[in-house]
């Protein structure tokens, strides 16, 4: 059975503070319990495996600073 290759995608979605906190809580619970984390972003369901790599990135450019929480994995 052939697997369908997913198209490239680069989506950024803004959330209210309350929505963001809710997603962070669900993510933290999944990580803490070594469970898969599922989230829908801009209409696409994403399933993050429990062994995904988690990192924090900080960027600065002039007066603008950014902190990104990144979760990376390979689909097999």
Protein backbone atom coordinates (compact mmCIF):
# COMPACT_ATOMS: atom_id res chain seq x y z
CA UNK A 1 0.00 0.00 0.00
CA UNK A 2 1.55 3.34 -1.04
CA UNK A 3 1.61 6.22 1.41
CA UNK A 4 0.32 9.58 0.26
CA UNK A 5 3.08 12.20 0.41
CA UNK A 6 2.01 15.39 2.16
CA UNK A 7 2.54 18.73 0.47
CA UNK A 8 4.84 21.36 1.97
CA UNK A 9 3.21 23.79 4.35
CA UNK A 10 4.25 26.82 6.40
CA UNK A 11 1.31 28.18 8.39
CA UNK A 12 1.37 30.54 11.33
CA UNK A 13 -1.82 30.90 13.34
CA UNK A 14 -2.49 33.53 16.03
CA UNK A 15 -4.48 32.56 19.13
CA UNK A 16 -5.91 34.46 22.05
CA UNK A 17 -4.03 34.07 25.32
CA UNK A 18 -6.81 31.79 26.64
CA UNK A 19 -6.68 29.53 23.55
CA UNK A 20 -2.88 29.37 23.69
CA UNK A 21 -2.89 28.42 27.38
CA UNK A 22 -5.41 25.64 26.66
CA UNK A 23 -3.21 24.21 23.89
CA UNK A 24 -0.08 24.46 26.04
CA UNK A 25 -1.81 22.59 28.86
CA UNK A 26 -2.88 19.79 26.53
CA UNK A 27 0.64 19.64 25.08
CA UNK A 28 2.25 19.56 28.54
CA UNK A 29 -0.10 16.76 29.63
CA UNK A 30 0.72 14.72 26.51
CA UNK A 31 4.48 15.20 26.98
CA UNK A 32 4.33 14.41 30.68
CA UNK A 33 2.33 11.22 30.03
CA UNK A 34 4.42 10.13 27.00
CA UNK A 35 1.35 10.35 24.75
CA UNK A 36 0.75 11.53 21.21
CA UNK A 37 -0.40 15.17 20.95
CA UNK A 38 -3.09 16.00 18.42
CA UNK A 39 -3.90 19.51 17.26
CA UNK A 40 -5.72 21.09 14.34
CA UNK A 41 -4.00 24.06 12.71
CA UNK A 42 -5.73 26.04 9.97
CA UNK A 43 -8.00 23.13 9.08
CA UNK A 44 -5.37 20.37 9.08
CA UNK A 45 -5.09 17.78 11.82
CA UNK A 46 -1.55 17.20 13.06
CA UNK A 47 -0.48 14.27 15.22
CA UNK A 48 2.77 14.74 17.15
CA UNK A 49 4.42 11.50 18.33
CA UNK A 50 5.59 11.23 21.95
CA UNK A 51 9.25 10.90 20.88
CA UNK A 52 9.32 14.22 18.99
CA UNK A 53 12.25 16.56 19.67
CA UNK A 54 11.32 19.68 21.63
CA UNK A 55 13.38 22.87 21.52
CA UNK A 56 13.09 26.57 22.34
CA UNK A 57 14.40 29.16 19.91
CA UNK A 58 15.07 32.85 20.60
CA UNK A 59 15.51 35.37 17.78
CA UNK A 60 16.31 39.07 17.92
CA UNK A 61 16.29 41.54 15.04
CA UNK A 62 16.49 45.23 15.96
CA UNK A 63 13.68 46.00 18.41
CA UNK A 64 11.77 42.78 17.68
CA UNK A 65 12.29 39.61 19.72
CA UNK A 66 10.70 36.22 19.25
CA UNK A 67 10.56 32.99 21.24
CA UNK A 68 9.45 29.84 19.44
CA UNK A 69 8.61 26.53 21.04
CA UNK A 70 9.41 23.95 18.36
CA UNK A 71 8.39 20.32 18.15
CA UNK A 72 10.05 18.34 15.36
CA UNK A 73 9.67 14.76 14.19
CA UNK A 74 10.02 12.62 11.09
CA UNK A 75 7.04 10.90 9.53
CA UNK A 76 7.80 7.27 8.79
